[in-house]
Amino acid sequence: MQIPTGNPVPRQNWLELVHEDAIEPALPIVDAHHHLWQKPFPYLLNEFLADLACGHNIRATIYAEAHAMHRIDGPEAMRPLGEIEFANGVAAMSASGDFGHIKINAAILGHANLALGRDVETVLAAMVSASPDRFRGIRHYTARDAQVRLGSPEGMMATRQYRAGFSVLQDMGLVYEAWVYHPQLPELIDLMHDHPQAHVVLNHIGGRIGIGTYADNQDAVIAEWGQNMQRLARFPNVSVKIGGLGMALCGFGFHTHPLPPTSDQLADAWQERIRSVIDIFGPERCMFESNFPVDKASCSYVNLWNAFKKVSAIYPADAREQLFFGTAKSVYRMETVTSA
């Protein structure tokens, strides 16, 4: 996985300059989106466990594809199978109980090239076989913008082959993780018009950019993003991950400050985006995510979840249960995950 332009490597010594205790430590949480990888810097089970041991009641986590541990040989289309095998192995380690009670990688999201069209079924079937109890879907990286990253081909989601592959994914009952920047939301909406019942999870609140020329035109960005999010919300099976706000592309710039942010500072900066998307989609279609270790460049794990708790404090208890736990458990069919 390529970290978006300008996103630095996390600095543990910097993060330790500000300490907080976890608030509402009994509130059960499913971390709906995190990565594990060896490159571009090591963040494997031990590093993740160190962050998880911060006092929040993390019950389970969801592994999101990061182009990590792909096979280095064999057919190109099958190489992402290595990531599923890796993530499932970590989940098996977690399930042993030797690493604590948290169900790490309780659900797994991989990568498969939907541009293979109908042929992607062979890849997806192999992934289901490699992790029958945990594999839940894929993300095909489509995010592109001249001010952030141009790695993905333009208009990918509109091609006939991609949509054929998307149909196979849906026919197999798997989830599509959508990672786009906010100017691309109309492309996703167009895809949904062809597949209105598709199970889609929009990553990182729709990728609202806050750097470059977008930083000086946030009123227009908010209006455009909000309108398109309203359009997406009309499709009943679209859910949204709330997080990714620590990425450099969001424009908050906490990673450039002398001290890491407190949870109050994070909550103040993030509340408009978080509450807007909750109000559009409803708590039953929103879930909080850490996006670690990417967001670790901007804040600590304990402060991130403290901030989410503070921003969401205006909602009733049943809504917060959905945001922190219920929505993720339902969307990713994690029947064995319990809140206590």
C-alpha atoms as a PDB file:
ATOM      1  CA  MET A   1       0.000   0.000   0.000  1.00  0.00           C
ATOM      2  CA  GLN A   2       1.235   3.472  -0.785  1.00  0.00           C
ATOM      3  CA  ILE A   3       0.645   5.963   1.999  1.00  0.00           C
ATOM      4  CA  PRO A   4      -0.905   9.139   0.535  1.00  0.00           C
ATOM      5  CA  THR A   5       1.489  11.896  -0.390  1.00  0.00           C
ATOM      6  CA  GLY A   6       2.956  13.655   2.643  1.00  0.00           C
ATOM      7  CA  ASN A   7       1.826  11.109   5.240  1.00  0.00           C
ATOM      8  CA  PRO A   8       4.880  10.495   7.442  1.00  0.00           C
ATOM      9  CA  VAL A   9       6.007   7.460   9.394  1.00  0.00           C
ATOM     10  CA  PRO A  10       4.552   7.427  12.942  1.00  0.00           C
ATOM     11  CA  ARG A  11       6.856   8.625  15.720  1.00  0.00           C
ATOM     12  CA  GLN A  12       6.282   6.760  18.964  1.00  0.00           C
ATOM     13  CA  ASN A  13       8.482   9.110  20.994  1.00  0.00           C
ATOM     14  CA  TRP A  14       6.431  12.095  19.748  1.00  0.00           C
ATOM     15  CA  LEU A  15       3.127  10.390  20.566  1.00  0.00           C
ATOM     16  CA  GLU A  16       4.292   9.709  24.112  1.00  0.00           C
ATOM     17  CA  LEU A  17       4.696  13.436  24.804  1.00  0.00           C
ATOM     18  CA  VAL A  18       0.955  13.640  25.537  1.00  0.00           C
ATOM     19  CA  HIS A  19      -0.732  11.021  27.708  1.00  0.00           C
ATOM     20  CA  GLU A  20      -4.424  10.370  28.295  1.00  0.00           C
ATOM     21  CA  ASP A  21      -6.331   7.564  29.941  1.00  0.00           C
ATOM     22  CA  ALA A  22      -9.116   5.896  28.022  1.00  0.00           C
ATOM     23  CA  ILE A  23     -12.531   7.379  28.769  1.00  0.00           C
ATOM     24  CA  GLU A  24     -15.664   5.203  28.959  1.00  0.00           C
ATOM     25  CA  PRO A  25     -13.440   2.107  29.160  1.00  0.00           C
ATOM     26  CA  ALA A  26     -16.392  -0.289  29.277  1.00  0.00           C
ATOM     27  CA  LEU A  27     -17.828   0.768  25.896  1.00  0.00           C
ATOM     28  CA  PRO A  28     -17.375  -2.204  23.517  1.00  0.00           C
ATOM     29  CA  ILE A  29     -15.598  -1.396  20.248  1.00  0.00           C
ATOM     30  CA  VAL A  30     -14.967  -3.109  16.941  1.00  0.00           C
ATOM     31  CA  ASP A  31     -12.076  -1.392  15.186  1.00  0.00           C
ATOM     32  CA  ALA A  32     -13.583  -1.510  11.710  1.00  0.00           C
ATOM     33  CA  HIS A  33     -10.446  -0.820   9.662  1.00  0.00           C
ATOM     34  CA  HIS A  34      -6.754  -1.315  10.343  1.00  0.00           C
ATOM     35  CA  HIS A  35      -3.705  -2.681   8.552  1.00  0.00           C
ATOM     36  CA  LEU A  36      -0.743  -4.900   9.370  1.00  0.00           C
ATOM     37  CA  TRP A  37       2.406  -4.843   7.260  1.00  0.00           C
ATOM     38  CA  GLN A  38       6.164  -5.099   7.107  1.00  0.00           C
ATOM     39  CA  LYS A  39       6.617  -2.228   4.655  1.00  0.00           C
ATOM     40  CA  PRO A  40       6.901   0.793   4.505  1.00  0.00           C
ATOM     41  CA  PHE A  41       7.615   0.365   8.247  1.00  0.00           C
ATOM     42  CA  PRO A  42       6.991  -2.624  10.517  1.00  0.00           C
ATOM     43  CA  TYR A  43       3.498  -2.758  11.971  1.00  0.00           C
ATOM     44  CA  LEU A  44       2.729  -6.361  12.750  1.00  0.00           C
ATOM     45  CA  LEU A  45       0.929  -8.149  15.565  1.00  0.00           C
ATOM     46  CA  ASN A  46       3.219  -7.023  18.378  1.00  0.00           C
ATOM     47  CA  GLU A  47       3.080  -3.364  17.327  1.00  0.00           C
ATOM     48  CA  PHE A  48      -0.699  -3.511  17.041  1.00  0.00           C
ATOM     49  CA  LEU A  49      -1.059  -5.232  20.402  1.00  0.00           C
ATOM     50  CA  ALA A  50       0.954  -2.426  22.010  1.00  0.00           C
ATOM     51  CA  ASP A  51      -1.555   0.122  20.698  1.00  0.00           C
ATOM     52  CA  LEU A  52      -4.563  -2.010  21.625  1.00  0.00           C
ATOM     53  CA  ALA A  53      -3.374  -2.189  25.246  1.00  0.00           C
ATOM     54  CA  CYS A  54      -4.406   1.405  25.889  1.00  0.00           C
ATOM     55  CA  GLY A  55      -7.471   0.877  28.054  1.00  0.00           C
ATOM     56  CA  HIS A  56     -10.287   0.932  25.462  1.00  0.00           C
ATOM     57  CA  ASN A  57     -12.574  -2.101  25.305  1.00  0.00           C
ATOM     58  CA  ILE A  58     -11.627  -3.322  21.834  1.00  0.00           C
ATOM     59  CA  ARG A  59     -13.566  -6.544  21.309  1.00  0.00           C
ATOM     60  CA  ALA A  60     -12.508  -7.289  17.732  1.00  0.00           C
ATOM     61  CA  THR A  61     -10.759  -5.790  14.726  1.00  0.00           C
ATOM     62  CA  ILE A  62     -11.246  -5.886  10.965  1.00  0.00           C
ATOM     63  CA  TYR A  63      -8.224  -6.304   8.722  1.00  0.00           C
ATOM     64  CA  ALA A  64      -8.289  -4.068   5.641  1.00  0.00           C
ATOM     65  CA  GLU A  65      -6.204  -4.769   2.555  1.00  0.00           C
ATOM     66  CA  ALA A  66      -2.919  -2.956   2.300  1.00  0.00           C
ATOM     67  CA  HIS A  67      -1.162  -4.795  -0.537  1.00  0.00           C
ATOM     68  CA  ALA A  68       0.807  -6.498   2.236  1.00  0.00           C
ATOM     69  CA  MET A  69       2.377  -9.938   1.986  1.00  0.00           C
ATOM     70  CA  HIS A  70       1.389 -10.551  -1.631  1.00  0.00           C
ATOM     71  CA  ARG A  71       3.061 -13.572  -3.153  1.00  0.00           C
ATOM     72  CA  ILE A  72       6.140 -12.776  -5.188  1.00  0.00           C
ATOM     73  CA  ASP A  73       5.578 -15.475  -7.807  1.00  0.00           C
ATOM     74  CA  GLY A  74       2.804 -17.401  -9.493  1.00  0.00           C
ATOM     75  CA  PRO A  75      -0.030 -15.941 -11.594  1.00  0.00           C
ATOM     76  CA  GLU A  76      -0.342 -12.180 -11.074  1.00  0.00           C
ATOM     77  CA  ALA A  77      -4.060 -12.389 -10.331  1.00  0.00           C
ATOM     78  CA  MET A  78      -3.497 -14.873  -7.512  1.00  0.00           C
ATOM     79  CA  ARG A  79      -0.679 -13.049  -5.738  1.00  0.00           C
ATOM     80  CA  PRO A  80      -3.016 -11.096  -3.394  1.00  0.00           C
ATOM     81  CA  LEU A  81      -3.993 -14.470  -1.916  1.00  0.00           C
ATOM     82  CA  GLY A  82      -0.824 -14.183   0.179  1.00  0.00           C
ATOM     83  CA  GLU A  83      -2.367 -11.303   2.113  1.00  0.00           C
ATOM     84  CA  ILE A  84      -5.417 -13.375   3.012  1.00  0.00           C
ATOM     85  CA  GLU A  85      -3.211 -16.222   4.205  1.00  0.00           C
ATOM     86  CA  PHE A  86      -1.148 -13.794   6.280  1.00  0.00           C
ATOM     87  CA  ALA A  87      -4.159 -12.042   7.840  1.00  0.00           C
ATOM     88  CA  ASN A  88      -5.870 -15.350   8.566  1.00  0.00           C
ATOM     89  CA  GLY A  89      -2.702 -16.630  10.224  1.00  0.00           C
ATOM     90  CA  VAL A  90      -2.629 -13.610  12.521  1.00  0.00           C
ATOM     91  CA  ALA A  91      -6.302 -14.210  13.305  1.00  0.00           C
ATOM     92  CA  ALA A  92      -5.508 -17.813  14.197  1.00  0.00           C
ATOM     93  CA  MET A  93      -2.744 -16.620  16.526  1.00  0.00           C
ATOM     94  CA  SER A  94      -5.219 -14.253  18.170  1.00  0.00           C
ATOM     95  CA  ALA A  95      -7.842 -16.977  18.499  1.00  0.00           C
ATOM     96  CA  SER A  96      -5.391 -19.104  20.491  1.00  0.00           C
ATOM     97  CA  GLY A  97      -5.807 -16.783  23.458  1.00  0.00           C
ATOM     98  CA  ASP A  98      -2.056 -16.489  23.853  1.00  0.00           C
ATOM     99  CA  PHE A  99      -2.224 -12.817  22.855  1.00  0.00           C
ATOM    100  CA  GLY A 100      -5.203 -11.722  24.921  1.00  0.00           C
ATOM    101  CA  HIS A 101      -8.969 -11.680  24.517  1.00  0.00           C
ATOM    102  CA  ILE A 102      -9.301  -9.368  21.483  1.00  0.00           C
ATOM    103  CA  LYS A 103     -10.400 -11.105  18.278  1.00  0.00           C
ATOM    104  CA  ILE A 104      -7.828  -9.576  15.942  1.00  0.00           C
ATOM    105  CA  ASN A 105      -8.677  -9.852  12.230  1.00  0.00           C
ATOM    106  CA  ALA A 106     -12.104 -11.268  13.069  1.00  0.00           C
ATOM    107  CA  ALA A 107     -13.068 -10.203   9.551  1.00  0.00           C
ATOM    108  CA  ILE A 108     -10.653  -9.896   6.636  1.00  0.00           C
ATOM    109  CA  LEU A 109     -10.814  -7.701   3.542  1.00  0.00           C
ATOM    110  CA  GLY A 110      -8.396  -8.421   0.722  1.00  0.00           C
ATOM    111  CA  HIS A 111      -7.663  -7.270  -2.787  1.00  0.00           C
ATOM    112  CA  ALA A 112      -8.718  -8.797  -6.070  1.00  0.00           C
ATOM    113  CA  ASN A 113      -8.477  -7.190  -9.481  1.00  0.00           C
ATOM    114  CA  LEU A 114     -12.068  -6.567 -10.541  1.00  0.00           C
ATOM    115  CA  ALA A 115     -10.788  -5.575 -13.977  1.00  0.00           C
ATOM    116  CA  LEU A 116     -10.426  -9.322 -14.577  1.00  0.00           C
ATOM    117  CA  GLY A 117     -14.157  -9.321 -15.167  1.00  0.00           C
ATOM    118  CA  ARG A 118     -15.867 -12.690 -14.674  1.00  0.00           C
ATOM    119  CA  ASP A 119     -12.466 -14.347 -14.288  1.00  0.00           C
ATOM    120  CA  VAL A 120     -12.097 -12.756 -10.846  1.00  0.00           C
ATOM    121  CA  GLU A 121     -14.372 -15.503  -9.510  1.00  0.00           C
ATOM    122  CA  THR A 122     -11.431 -17.925  -9.396  1.00  0.00           C
ATOM    123  CA  VAL A 123      -9.427 -15.498  -7.251  1.00  0.00           C
ATOM    124  CA  LEU A 124     -12.314 -14.793  -4.900  1.00  0.00           C
ATOM    125  CA  ALA A 125     -13.104 -18.490  -4.514  1.00  0.00           C
ATOM    126  CA  ALA A 126      -9.480 -19.130  -3.516  1.00  0.00           C
ATOM    127  CA  MET A 127      -9.710 -16.376  -0.911  1.00  0.00           C
ATOM    128  CA  VAL A 128     -12.908 -17.816   0.533  1.00  0.00           C
ATOM    129  CA  SER A 129     -11.196 -21.209   0.704  1.00  0.00           C
ATOM    130  CA  ALA A 130      -8.110 -19.725   2.408  1.00  0.00           C
ATOM    131  CA  SER A 131     -10.212 -18.027   5.096  1.00  0.00           C
ATOM    132  CA  PRO A 132     -13.739 -19.456   5.065  1.00  0.00           C
ATOM    133  CA  ASP A 133     -14.680 -18.095   8.482  1.00  0.00           C
ATOM    134  CA  ARG A 134     -13.233 -14.590   8.124  1.00  0.00           C
ATOM    135  CA  PHE A 135     -12.885 -13.438   4.512  1.00  0.00           C
ATOM    136  CA  ARG A 136     -15.642 -10.921   3.828  1.00  0.00           C
ATOM    137  CA  GLY A 137     -14.754  -8.968   0.692  1.00  0.00           C
ATOM    138  CA  ILE A 138     -12.234  -6.888  -1.198  1.00  0.00           C
ATOM    139  CA  ARG A 139     -11.045  -3.389  -1.893  1.00  0.00           C
ATOM    140  CA  HIS A 140      -9.786  -2.473  -5.338  1.00  0.00           C
ATOM    141  CA  TYR A 141      -7.915   0.804  -4.862  1.00  0.00           C
ATOM    142  CA  THR A 142      -9.556   3.383  -7.143  1.00  0.00           C
ATOM    143  CA  ALA A 143      -8.683   6.647  -5.361  1.00  0.00           C
ATOM    144  CA  ARG A 144      -6.947   9.177  -7.592  1.00  0.00           C
ATOM    145  CA  ASP A 145      -6.524  12.943  -7.575  1.00  0.00           C
ATOM    146  CA  ALA A 146      -3.861  15.188  -9.037  1.00  0.00           C
ATOM    147  CA  GLN A 147      -3.147  16.763  -5.635  1.00  0.00           C
ATOM    148  CA  VAL A 148      -2.935  13.486  -3.717  1.00  0.00           C
ATOM    149  CA  ARG A 149      -2.196  10.412  -5.798  1.00  0.00           C
ATOM    150  CA  LEU A 150      -2.575   9.357  -9.435  1.00  0.00           C
ATOM    151  CA  GLY A 151      -1.756   5.655  -9.171  1.00  0.00           C
ATOM    152  CA  SER A 152      -5.180   4.347 -10.193  1.00  0.00           C
ATOM    153  CA  PRO A 153      -6.378   4.489 -13.804  1.00  0.00           C
ATOM    154  CA  GLU A 154      -8.914   7.206 -14.482  1.00  0.00           C
ATOM    155  CA  GLY A 155     -12.508   6.049 -14.801  1.00  0.00           C
ATOM    156  CA  MET A 156     -11.745   2.494 -13.702  1.00  0.00           C
ATOM    157  CA  MET A 157     -15.121   1.860 -12.086  1.00  0.00           C
ATOM    158  CA  ALA A 158     -16.965   2.712 -15.299  1.00  0.00           C
ATOM    159  CA  THR A 159     -15.303   0.066 -17.473  1.00  0.00           C
ATOM    160  CA  ARG A 160     -17.271  -2.982 -18.601  1.00  0.00           C
ATOM    161  CA  GLN A 161     -14.708  -5.412 -17.209  1.00  0.00           C
ATOM    162  CA  TYR A 162     -14.637  -3.764 -13.792  1.00  0.00           C
ATOM    163  CA  ARG A 163     -18.413  -3.851 -13.532  1.00  0.00           C
ATOM    164  CA  ALA A 164     -18.453  -7.488 -14.569  1.00  0.00           C
ATOM    165  CA  GLY A 165     -16.005  -8.236 -11.763  1.00  0.00           C
ATOM    166  CA  PHE A 166     -18.113  -6.167  -9.378  1.00  0.00           C
ATOM    167  CA  SER A 167     -21.145  -8.292 -10.303  1.00  0.00           C
ATOM    168  CA  VAL A 168     -19.241 -11.476  -9.484  1.00  0.00           C
ATOM    169  CA  LEU A 169     -18.297 -10.054  -6.079  1.00  0.00           C
ATOM    170  CA  GLN A 170     -21.934  -9.311  -5.324  1.00  0.00           C
ATOM    171  CA  ASP A 171     -23.153 -12.671  -6.616  1.00  0.00           C
ATOM    172  CA  MET A 172     -20.798 -14.334  -4.130  1.00  0.00           C
ATOM    173  CA  GLY A 173     -22.248 -12.320  -1.244  1.00  0.00           C
ATOM    174  CA  LEU A 174     -19.040 -10.383  -0.623  1.00  0.00           C
ATOM    175  CA  VAL A 175     -18.549  -6.767   0.428  1.00  0.00           C
ATOM    176  CA  TYR A 176     -17.019  -4.094  -1.787  1.00  0.00           C
ATOM    177  CA  GLU A 177     -14.810  -1.590   0.052  1.00  0.00           C
ATOM    178  CA  ALA A 178     -14.890   1.710  -1.840  1.00  0.00           C
ATOM    179  CA  TRP A 179     -11.836   3.950  -1.474  1.00  0.00           C
ATOM    180  CA  VAL A 180     -12.288   7.116  -3.504  1.00  0.00           C
ATOM    181  CA  TYR A 181     -11.514  10.792  -2.995  1.00  0.00           C
ATOM    182  CA  HIS A 182     -14.494  13.091  -2.707  1.00  0.00           C
ATOM    183  CA  PRO A 183     -14.398  14.359  -6.351  1.00  0.00           C
ATOM    184  CA  GLN A 184     -14.868  10.708  -7.418  1.00  0.00           C
ATOM    185  CA  LEU A 185     -18.048  10.100  -5.446  1.00  0.00           C
ATOM    186  CA  PRO A 186     -20.199  10.580  -8.585  1.00  0.00           C
ATOM    187  CA  GLU A 187     -18.307   7.657 -10.162  1.00  0.00           C
ATOM    188  CA  LEU A 188     -19.273   5.450  -7.225  1.00  0.00           C
ATOM    189  CA  ILE A 189     -22.863   6.693  -7.399  1.00  0.00           C
ATOM    190  CA  ASP A 190     -22.970   5.756 -11.082  1.00  0.00           C
ATOM    191  CA  LEU A 191     -21.699   2.258 -10.223  1.00  0.00           C
ATOM    192  CA  MET A 192     -24.412   1.944  -7.588  1.00  0.00           C
ATOM    193  CA  HIS A 193     -27.097   2.863 -10.102  1.00  0.00           C
ATOM    194  CA  ASP A 194     -26.094  -0.280 -11.995  1.00  0.00           C
ATOM    195  CA  HIS A 195     -26.047  -2.343  -8.771  1.00  0.00           C
ATOM    196  CA  PRO A 196     -28.498  -0.643  -6.392  1.00  0.00           C
ATOM    197  CA  GLN A 197     -28.598  -3.542  -3.907  1.00  0.00           C
ATOM    198  CA  ALA A 198     -24.815  -4.030  -3.704  1.00  0.00           C
ATOM    199  CA  HIS A 199     -23.195  -4.272  -0.286  1.00  0.00           C
ATOM    200  CA  VAL A 200     -20.678  -1.425  -0.264  1.00  0.00           C
ATOM    201  CA  VAL A 201     -18.670   0.154   2.543  1.00  0.00           C
ATOM    202  CA  LEU A 202     -17.363   3.627   1.778  1.00  0.00           C
ATOM    203  CA  ASN A 203     -13.928   4.076   3.321  1.00  0.00           C
ATOM    204  CA  HIS A 204     -12.737   7.082   5.316  1.00  0.00           C
ATOM    205  CA  ILE A 205     -15.900   9.233   5.116  1.00  0.00           C
ATOM    206  CA  GLY A 206     -15.658   9.479   1.356  1.00  0.00           C
ATOM    207  CA  GLY A 207     -12.093  10.778   1.165  1.00  0.00           C
ATOM    208  CA  ARG A 208     -12.742  14.470   1.676  1.00  0.00           C
ATOM    209  CA  ILE A 209      -9.527  16.248   0.679  1.00  0.00           C
ATOM    210  CA  GLY A 210      -8.296  19.239   2.652  1.00  0.00           C
ATOM    211  CA  ILE A 211      -4.935  20.008   1.066  1.00  0.00           C
ATOM    212  CA  GLY A 212      -3.817  21.915  -2.020  1.00  0.00           C
ATOM    213  CA  THR A 213      -6.436  24.078  -3.655  1.00  0.00           C
ATOM    214  CA  TYR A 214      -9.137  22.191  -1.741  1.00  0.00           C
ATOM    215  CA  ALA A 215      -7.866  23.731   1.503  1.00  0.00           C
ATOM    216  CA  ASP A 216      -8.814  27.204   0.288  1.00  0.00           C
ATOM    217  CA  ASN A 217     -12.254  26.141  -0.961  1.00  0.00           C
ATOM    218  CA  GLN A 218     -13.646  24.087   1.897  1.00  0.00           C
ATOM    219  CA  ASP A 219     -17.112  25.633   1.679  1.00  0.00           C
ATOM    220  CA  ALA A 220     -17.424  24.351  -1.879  1.00  0.00           C
ATOM    221  CA  VAL A 221     -15.873  21.006  -0.929  1.00  0.00           C
ATOM    222  CA  ILE A 222     -18.317  20.553   1.958  1.00  0.00           C
ATOM    223  CA  ALA A 223     -21.281  21.374  -0.280  1.00  0.00           C
ATOM    224  CA  GLU A 224     -20.168  18.993  -3.042  1.00  0.00           C
ATOM    225  CA  TRP A 225     -19.239  16.204  -0.646  1.00  0.00           C
ATOM    226  CA  GLY A 226     -22.467  16.562   1.334  1.00  0.00           C
ATOM    227  CA  GLN A 227     -24.654  16.484  -1.766  1.00  0.00           C
ATOM    228  CA  ASN A 228     -22.968  13.335  -3.065  1.00  0.00           C
ATOM    229  CA  MET A 229     -23.080  11.628   0.317  1.00  0.00           C
ATOM    230  CA  GLN A 230     -26.833  12.309   0.398  1.00  0.00           C
ATOM    231  CA  ARG A 231     -27.131  10.650  -3.011  1.00  0.00           C
ATOM    232  CA  LEU A 232     -25.142   7.614  -1.859  1.00  0.00           C
ATOM    233  CA  ALA A 233     -27.268   7.274   1.261  1.00  0.00           C
ATOM    234  CA  ARG A 234     -30.278   6.485  -0.940  1.00  0.00           C
ATOM    235  CA  PHE A 235     -28.784   3.053  -1.625  1.00  0.00           C
ATOM    236  CA  PRO A 236     -29.833   0.902   1.344  1.00  0.00           C
ATOM    237  CA  ASN A 237     -26.756  -1.318   1.544  1.00  0.00           C
ATOM    238  CA  VAL A 238     -24.102   1.416   1.546  1.00  0.00           C
ATOM    239  CA  SER A 239     -22.364   1.899   4.889  1.00  0.00           C
ATOM    240  CA  VAL A 240     -19.580   4.307   5.845  1.00  0.00           C
ATOM    241  CA  LYS A 241     -16.388   3.964   7.852  1.00  0.00           C
ATOM    242  CA  ILE A 242     -15.737   6.968  10.058  1.00  0.00           C
ATOM    243  CA  GLY A 243     -12.015   7.543  10.340  1.00  0.00           C
ATOM    244  CA  GLY A 244      -8.960   8.117   8.224  1.00  0.00           C
ATOM    245  CA  LEU A 245      -8.993  11.708   9.433  1.00  0.00           C
ATOM    246  CA  GLY A 246      -5.399  11.455  10.551  1.00  0.00           C
ATOM    247  CA  MET A 247      -4.215  11.099   6.965  1.00  0.00           C
ATOM    248  CA  ALA A 248      -2.262  14.040   5.639  1.00  0.00           C
ATOM    249  CA  LEU A 249      -4.689  14.453   2.736  1.00  0.00           C
ATOM    250  CA  CYS A 250      -7.426  15.535   5.148  1.00  0.00           C
ATOM    251  CA  GLY A 251      -5.481  18.704   5.839  1.00  0.00           C
ATOM    252  CA  PHE A 252      -5.545  18.880   9.642  1.00  0.00           C
ATOM    253  CA  GLY A 253      -1.748  18.827   9.842  1.00  0.00           C
ATOM    254  CA  PHE A 254      -1.429  17.470  13.370  1.00  0.00           C
ATOM    255  CA  HIS A 255       1.692  15.547  12.390  1.00  0.00           C
ATOM    256  CA  THR A 256       3.500  18.880  11.895  1.00  0.00           C
ATOM    257  CA  HIS A 257       2.846  20.188  15.421  1.00  0.00           C
ATOM    258  CA  PRO A 258       5.464  20.187  18.209  1.00  0.00           C
ATOM    259  CA  LEU A 259       3.130  18.121  20.403  1.00  0.00           C
ATOM    260  CA  PRO A 260       0.664  15.410  19.396  1.00  0.00           C
ATOM    261  CA  PRO A 261      -2.999  16.382  19.645  1.00  0.00           C
ATOM    262  CA  THR A 262      -5.154  15.764  22.674  1.00  0.00           C
ATOM    263  CA  SER A 263      -8.497  14.079  22.189  1.00  0.00           C
ATOM    264  CA  ASP A 264     -10.193  17.435  22.726  1.00  0.00           C
ATOM    265  CA  GLN A 265      -8.205  18.927  19.856  1.00  0.00           C
ATOM    266  CA  LEU A 266      -9.052  15.962  17.625  1.00  0.00           C
ATOM    267  CA  ALA A 267     -12.730  16.115  18.548  1.00  0.00           C
ATOM    268  CA  ASP A 268     -12.902  19.831  17.836  1.00  0.00           C
ATOM    269  CA  ALA A 269     -11.230  19.394  14.442  1.00  0.00           C
ATOM    270  CA  TRP A 270     -13.139  16.292  13.362  1.00  0.00           C
ATOM    271  CA  GLN A 271     -16.645  16.814  14.714  1.00  0.00           C
ATOM    272  CA  GLU A 272     -18.120  18.522  11.641  1.00  0.00           C
ATOM    273  CA  ARG A 273     -17.142  15.675   9.318  1.00  0.00           C
ATOM    274  CA  ILE A 274     -18.109  12.925  11.749  1.00  0.00           C
ATOM    275  CA  ARG A 275     -21.500  14.296  12.745  1.00  0.00           C
ATOM    276  CA  SER A 276     -22.373  15.223   9.170  1.00  0.00           C
ATOM    277  CA  VAL A 277     -21.945  11.671   7.918  1.00  0.00           C
ATOM    278  CA  ILE A 278     -23.770  10.171  10.903  1.00  0.00           C
ATOM    279  CA  ASP A 279     -26.687  12.518  10.305  1.00  0.00           C
ATOM    280  CA  ILE A 280     -26.774  11.561   6.606  1.00  0.00           C
ATOM    281  CA  PHE A 281     -26.467   7.773   6.898  1.00  0.00           C
ATOM    282  CA  GLY A 282     -27.691   7.136  10.427  1.00  0.00           C
ATOM    283  CA  PRO A 283     -25.749   5.294  13.154  1.00  0.00           C
ATOM    284  CA  GLU A 284     -26.945   1.916  11.874  1.00  0.00           C
ATOM    285  CA  ARG A 285     -24.899   2.460   8.688  1.00  0.00           C
ATOM    286  CA  CYS A 286     -21.796   4.049  10.212  1.00  0.00           C
ATOM    287  CA  MET A 287     -18.851   2.479  12.018  1.00  0.00           C
ATOM    288  CA  PHE A 288     -15.740   3.911  13.647  1.00  0.00           C
ATOM    289  CA  GLU A 289     -12.293   2.832  12.453  1.00  0.00           C
ATOM    290  CA  SER A 290      -8.733   3.551  13.562  1.00  0.00           C
ATOM    291  CA  ASN A 291      -7.062   3.306  10.146  1.00  0.00           C
ATOM    292  CA  PHE A 292      -3.897   2.436  12.058  1.00  0.00           C
ATOM    293  CA  PRO A 293      -1.030   2.574  11.489  1.00  0.00           C
ATOM    294  CA  VAL A 294      -1.649   5.258   8.833  1.00  0.00           C
ATOM    295  CA  ASP A 295      -3.455   7.593  11.241  1.00  0.00           C
ATOM    296  CA  LYS A 296      -0.838   6.884  13.893  1.00  0.00           C
ATOM    297  CA  ALA A 297       1.269   9.529  12.162  1.00  0.00           C
ATOM    298  CA  SER A 298      -1.166  12.108  13.580  1.00  0.00           C
ATOM    299  CA  CYS A 299      -2.393  10.778  16.915  1.00  0.00           C
ATOM    300  CA  SER A 300      -2.222   7.951  19.425  1.00  0.00           C
ATOM    301  CA  TYR A 301      -4.665   5.065  19.523  1.00  0.00           C
ATOM    302  CA  VAL A 302      -6.033   6.042  22.933  1.00  0.00           C
ATOM    303  CA  ASN A 303      -6.599   9.673  21.933  1.00  0.00           C
ATOM    304  CA  LEU A 304      -8.237   8.704  18.653  1.00  0.00           C
ATOM    305  CA  TRP A 305     -10.904   6.602  20.373  1.00  0.00           C
ATOM    306  CA  ASN A 306     -11.316   9.203  23.121  1.00  0.00           C
ATOM    307  CA  ALA A 307     -12.031  11.744  20.402  1.00  0.00           C
ATOM    308  CA  PHE A 308     -14.610   9.500  18.741  1.00  0.00           C
ATOM    309  CA  LYS A 309     -16.309   9.017  22.091  1.00  0.00           C
ATOM    310  CA  LYS A 310     -16.407  12.755  22.767  1.00  0.00           C
ATOM    311  CA  VAL A 311     -17.775  13.639  19.322  1.00  0.00           C
ATOM    312  CA  SER A 312     -20.451  10.946  19.545  1.00  0.00           C
ATOM    313  CA  ALA A 313     -21.539  11.851  23.089  1.00  0.00           C
ATOM    314  CA  ILE A 314     -24.497  13.849  21.697  1.00  0.00           C
ATOM    315  CA  TYR A 315     -26.142  10.649  20.407  1.00  0.00           C
ATOM    316  CA  PRO A 316     -28.241   8.259  22.520  1.00  0.00           C
ATOM    317  CA  ALA A 317     -26.776   5.053  23.909  1.00  0.00           C
ATOM    318  CA  ASP A 318     -28.305   2.760  21.281  1.00  0.00           C
ATOM    319  CA  ALA A 319     -26.921   4.902  18.460  1.00  0.00           C
ATOM    320  CA  ARG A 320     -23.441   4.853  19.987  1.00  0.00           C
ATOM    321  CA  GLU A 321     -23.632   1.067  20.356  1.00  0.00           C
ATOM    322  CA  GLN A 322     -24.178   0.881  16.599  1.00  0.00           C
ATOM    323  CA  LEU A 323     -21.359   3.296  15.794  1.00  0.00           C
ATOM    324  CA  PHE A 324     -18.753   1.592  17.942  1.00  0.00           C
ATOM    325  CA  PHE A 325     -19.840  -2.028  17.712  1.00  0.00           C
ATOM    326  CA  GLY A 326     -23.119  -3.077  16.148  1.00  0.00           C
ATOM    327  CA  THR A 327     -22.804  -1.796  12.589  1.00  0.00           C
ATOM    328  CA  ALA A 328     -19.417  -3.422  12.015  1.00  0.00           C
ATOM    329  CA  LYS A 329     -20.538  -6.694  13.564  1.00  0.00           C
ATOM    330  CA  SER A 330     -23.607  -6.776  11.322  1.00  0.00           C
ATOM    331  CA  VAL A 331     -22.013  -5.643   8.043  1.00  0.00           C
ATOM    332  CA  TYR A 332     -19.110  -8.083   8.339  1.00  0.00           C
ATOM    333  CA  ARG A 333     -21.180 -10.952   9.785  1.00  0.00           C
ATOM    334  CA  MET A 334     -19.054 -11.439  12.879  1.00  0.00           C
ATOM    335  CA  GLU A 335     -21.410 -13.728  14.776  1.00  0.00           C
ATOM    336  CA  THR A 336     -18.801 -14.900  17.279  1.00  0.00           C
ATOM    337  CA  VAL A 337     -17.868 -11.394  18.421  1.00  0.00           C
ATOM    338  CA  THR A 338     -19.562 -10.414  21.673  1.00  0.00           C
ATOM    339  CA  SER A 339     -19.765  -7.137  23.562  1.00  0.00           C
ATOM    340  CA  ALA A 340     -18.765  -8.729  26.868  1.00  0.00           C
END
